[in-house]
Protein backbone atom coordinates (compact mmCIF):
# COMPACT_ATOMS: atom_id res chain seq x y z
CA MET A 1 -1.02 8.74 -13.38
CA SER A 2 -0.50 11.04 -16.35
CA ASP A 3 -4.16 12.11 -16.00
CA MET A 4 -3.28 13.67 -12.63
CA ALA A 5 -0.67 15.81 -14.33
CA ASP A 6 -3.27 16.76 -16.96
CA ARG A 7 -5.69 17.87 -14.25
CA ALA A 8 -3.05 19.98 -12.58
CA ARG A 9 -2.15 21.56 -15.94
CA GLY A 10 -5.77 22.54 -16.62
CA GLY A 11 -7.72 19.36 -17.39
CA GLU A 12 -10.64 18.51 -15.12
CA ALA A 13 -9.48 20.89 -12.40
CA ALA A 14 -8.41 24.39 -13.34
CA ARG A 15 -4.93 25.40 -12.25
CA ALA A 16 -5.02 27.25 -8.98
CA PRO A 17 -3.48 30.71 -9.40
CA GLY A 18 -0.01 31.40 -8.23
CA VAL A 19 1.53 27.93 -8.49
CA PRO A 20 5.27 28.57 -8.38
CA ALA A 21 7.21 27.47 -11.43
CA ALA A 22 9.61 25.65 -9.10
CA ALA A 23 6.92 23.05 -8.43
CA ARG A 24 6.83 22.16 -12.12
CA ARG A 25 10.56 21.62 -12.45
CA ALA A 26 12.74 18.87 -11.18
CA ASP A 27 14.18 20.11 -7.93
CA PRO A 28 17.95 20.38 -7.76
CA ALA A 29 19.72 17.64 -5.88
CA PRO A 30 20.79 18.81 -2.42
CA GLY A 31 24.48 19.30 -1.89
CA PRO A 32 26.54 17.05 0.34
CA ASP A 33 26.09 19.40 3.27
CA ALA A 34 22.35 19.66 2.86
CA ALA A 35 21.25 16.15 3.83
CA PRO A 36 17.67 16.46 5.12
CA SER A 37 16.83 15.65 8.69
CA LEU A 38 14.27 12.89 9.05
CA HIS A 39 13.45 13.50 12.71
CA VAL A 40 10.09 15.20 13.25
CA ALA A 41 8.51 15.25 16.67
CA PRO A 42 5.05 13.64 16.56
CA HIS A 43 2.19 16.10 16.70
CA PRO A 44 0.11 15.84 19.93
CA ASP A 45 -2.98 14.89 17.90
CA ALA A 46 -1.21 12.27 15.80
CA ALA A 47 -2.12 8.61 16.23
CA PRO A 48 -0.13 7.16 19.13
CA ILE A 49 2.66 4.72 18.32
CA ASP A 50 2.64 1.48 20.28
CA GLY A 51 5.95 0.97 22.06
CA PRO A 52 9.12 2.99 21.64
CA VAL A 53 9.75 4.94 18.44
CA PRO A 54 11.95 2.69 16.27
CA GLN A 55 15.53 3.73 15.57
CA ARG A 56 15.86 3.74 11.82
CA ASP A 57 18.70 4.02 9.37
CA GLY A 58 18.21 7.60 8.15
CA GLU A 59 20.01 6.93 4.88
CA ALA A 60 17.79 3.91 4.17
CA VAL A 61 14.68 6.02 4.78
CA ARG A 62 15.96 8.78 2.50
CA ARG A 63 16.72 6.22 -0.17
CA PHE A 64 13.20 4.78 0.10
CA ILE A 65 11.64 8.24 -0.23
CA GLU A 66 13.72 9.11 -3.29
CA ASP A 67 13.19 5.70 -4.92
CA PHE A 68 9.43 5.82 -4.46
CA ALA A 69 9.36 9.43 -5.66
CA SER A 70 11.25 8.34 -8.79
CA ALA A 71 8.69 5.60 -9.42
CA LEU A 72 5.87 8.15 -9.15
CA THR A 73 7.74 10.57 -11.42
CA GLU A 74 8.05 7.88 -14.08
CA MET A 75 4.24 7.61 -14.03
CA GLY A 76 3.68 11.34 -14.55
CA VAL A 77 3.78 12.93 -11.09
CA PRO A 78 6.10 15.97 -10.96
CA ARG A 79 9.28 15.39 -8.99
CA MET A 80 8.73 17.61 -5.95
CA PRO A 81 5.09 16.58 -5.35
CA ALA A 82 6.25 12.96 -5.63
CA ARG A 83 8.90 13.53 -2.94
CA VAL A 84 6.37 15.24 -0.67
CA PHE A 85 3.88 12.39 -1.09
CA ALA A 86 6.54 9.78 -0.33
CA SER A 87 7.69 11.73 2.73
CA LEU A 88 4.17 11.88 4.13
CA LEU A 89 3.72 8.15 3.61
CA ALA A 90 6.98 7.53 5.49
CA SER A 91 6.03 9.83 8.39
CA ASP A 92 5.06 8.24 11.71
CA PRO A 93 2.96 11.25 12.81
CA GLY A 94 0.95 10.86 9.60
CA ARG A 95 0.80 14.58 8.97
CA LEU A 96 3.39 17.33 8.58
CA THR A 97 3.46 21.07 8.00
CA ALA A 98 4.91 22.56 4.84
CA ALA A 99 7.85 23.82 6.89
CA GLU A 100 8.56 20.33 8.26
CA LEU A 101 8.37 18.86 4.76
CA ALA A 102 10.66 21.55 3.38
CA ASP A 103 13.16 20.80 6.15
CA GLN A 104 13.09 17.08 5.47
CA LEU A 105 13.53 17.49 1.72
CA SER A 106 15.86 20.51 1.78
CA ALA A 107 13.37 22.33 -0.43
CA SER A 108 12.55 26.01 -0.72
CA PRO A 109 9.22 27.36 0.62
CA ALA A 110 8.20 28.26 -2.95
CA ALA A 111 8.84 24.74 -4.22
CA MET A 112 6.96 23.28 -1.26
CA SER A 113 3.99 25.59 -1.80
CA GLY A 114 3.67 24.45 -5.40
CA ALA A 115 4.10 20.78 -4.47
CA VAL A 116 1.36 20.71 -1.84
CA ARG A 117 -0.93 22.74 -4.11
CA TYR A 118 -0.51 20.15 -6.84
CA LEU A 119 -1.15 17.23 -4.47
CA LEU A 120 -4.25 18.93 -3.07
CA GLN A 121 -5.59 19.51 -6.59
CA VAL A 122 -5.34 15.86 -7.57
CA GLY A 123 -6.61 14.56 -4.22
CA LEU A 124 -3.44 12.82 -3.03
CA ILE A 125 -3.21 14.81 0.21
CA ARG A 126 -5.57 16.73 2.46
CA ARG A 127 -5.03 19.89 4.47
CA GLU A 128 -6.04 20.12 8.10
CA GLY A 129 -6.30 23.22 10.24
CA GLU A 130 -5.38 23.53 13.87
CA PRO A 131 -7.91 25.13 16.28
CA GLY A 132 -6.62 28.51 17.40
CA SER A 133 -3.68 28.37 15.02
CA ARG A 134 -2.97 29.45 11.45
CA ARG A 135 -0.73 26.43 10.85
CA HIS A 136 -1.84 23.82 8.35
CA TYR A 137 -0.92 20.16 8.33
CA TYR A 138 -0.90 17.91 5.29
CA ARG A 139 -1.62 14.21 5.33
CA VAL A 140 -2.26 11.34 2.94
CA PRO A 141 -5.94 10.31 3.18
CA ASP A 142 -6.70 6.76 4.24
CA ASP A 143 -8.41 6.07 0.90
CA VAL A 144 -5.65 7.55 -1.26
CA TRP A 145 -5.23 4.41 -3.38
CA ASP A 146 -8.97 4.33 -4.04
CA GLU A 147 -8.63 7.92 -5.20
CA LEU A 148 -5.81 7.00 -7.55
CA ILE A 149 -7.82 4.16 -9.06
CA THR A 150 -10.85 6.45 -9.42
CA LEU A 151 -8.73 9.02 -11.25
CA ARG A 152 -7.41 6.34 -13.57
CA ASN A 153 -10.94 5.08 -14.17
CA ARG A 154 -12.06 8.56 -15.17
CA ALA A 155 -9.17 8.76 -17.60
CA MET A 156 -10.11 5.41 -19.11
CA ALA A 157 -13.69 6.64 -19.52
CA ARG A 158 -12.37 9.58 -21.56
CA TRP A 159 -10.12 7.32 -23.61
CA THR A 160 -13.01 4.94 -24.25
CA ALA A 161 -15.30 7.72 -25.49
CA VAL A 162 -12.70 8.98 -27.94
CA LEU A 163 -11.75 5.50 -29.11
CA ARG A 164 -15.39 4.59 -29.65
CA GLU A 165 -15.74 7.50 -32.06
CA GLY A 166 -12.76 6.20 -33.99
CA VAL A 167 -14.36 2.87 -34.89
CA PRO A 168 -16.83 4.20 -37.51
CA ALA A 169 -14.29 6.76 -38.68
CA LEU A 170 -11.78 4.02 -39.48
CA GLY A 171 -14.35 1.42 -40.47
CA ALA A 172 -15.31 -1.44 -38.18
CA ASP A 173 -14.37 -4.00 -40.85
CA THR A 174 -10.81 -2.68 -41.29
CA PRO A 175 -7.76 -3.84 -39.32
CA ALA A 176 -7.40 -0.40 -37.73
CA GLY A 177 -11.09 -0.24 -36.83
CA ALA A 178 -10.98 -3.73 -35.33
CA ARG A 179 -7.92 -2.76 -33.27
CA ILE A 180 -9.69 0.32 -31.90
CA ALA A 181 -12.86 -1.65 -31.17
CA GLU A 182 -10.81 -4.18 -29.20
CA SER A 183 -9.33 -1.31 -27.17
CA VAL A 184 -12.84 -0.05 -26.42
CA ARG A 185 -13.92 -3.48 -25.19
CA TYR A 186 -10.82 -3.72 -23.00
CA PHE A 187 -11.33 -0.36 -21.30
CA GLU A 188 -15.05 -1.00 -20.84
CA PHE A 189 -14.27 -4.29 -19.08
CA VAL A 190 -11.56 -2.85 -16.83
CA SER A 191 -13.68 0.19 -15.92
CA ALA A 192 -16.56 -2.08 -14.93
CA GLU A 193 -14.31 -4.29 -12.81
CA LEU A 194 -12.45 -1.58 -10.88
CA PRO A 195 -15.35 -0.64 -8.56
CA LEU A 196 -15.78 -4.32 -7.75
CA VAL A 197 -12.08 -4.65 -6.94
CA ILE A 198 -12.25 -1.65 -4.61
CA SER A 199 -15.31 -3.09 -2.86
CA ARG A 200 -13.61 -6.46 -2.42
CA TRP A 201 -10.51 -4.77 -1.02
CA ARG A 202 -12.59 -2.87 1.55
CA GLU A 203 -14.18 -6.12 2.67
CA ARG A 204 -10.76 -7.75 2.85
CA LYS A 205 -9.29 -4.83 4.81
CA ALA A 206 -12.17 -4.93 7.29
CA ALA A 207 -11.55 -8.63 7.84
CA LEU A 208 -7.80 -8.12 8.28
CA ASP A 209 -8.35 -5.23 10.69
CA GLY A 210 -10.72 -7.40 12.70
CA GLN A 211 -8.14 -10.15 12.92
CA THR A 212 -5.52 -7.64 14.08
CA VAL A 213 -7.75 -6.28 16.83
CA GLY A 214 -8.84 -9.74 17.93
CA GLY A 215 -5.25 -10.97 18.04
CA ARG A 216 -4.03 -8.31 20.47
């Protein structure tokens, strides 16, 4: 996911003006008295939840959010955007306002503004308006993993182009040139296969969704 960080720093997508510096720094750990609340009332337009809302272990949910955020951070996503993304994934309503996210994560409005701006830039969340209101909600799109794979595929295309230029520069008959040529062949193969994998997953998901509906 390092290509997403590159885009946010001025790669394929120019940096949006006014991104607070707090969004680019690891957020300070909340103090013992600042444990975030994980209860958010579902929005009226959110998808209904079948049956009663489950009673969860709040600490276990917080631990999941922080653990998943850490995994994303290790792959290049800044810390606060990673926490926001994980929080949205773990939200039953499916969408939250910046204020609700800030409350859950004990984050400042400035840090939250930078985090959602980053996630919007790289396509990991979407912003939705509310008729007759100035409030905005943020949600993870249904095809977010497709978007991640597409971003990675674009990065591999850039890597492949640069590597391909290195083969004649190093000499195709040299060990270094052969190593680079092998890398080119690898990325070309993976890039060609990824769209097929996504297509197969969509077919598989449609079949699974059909089984779920039919089994009710």
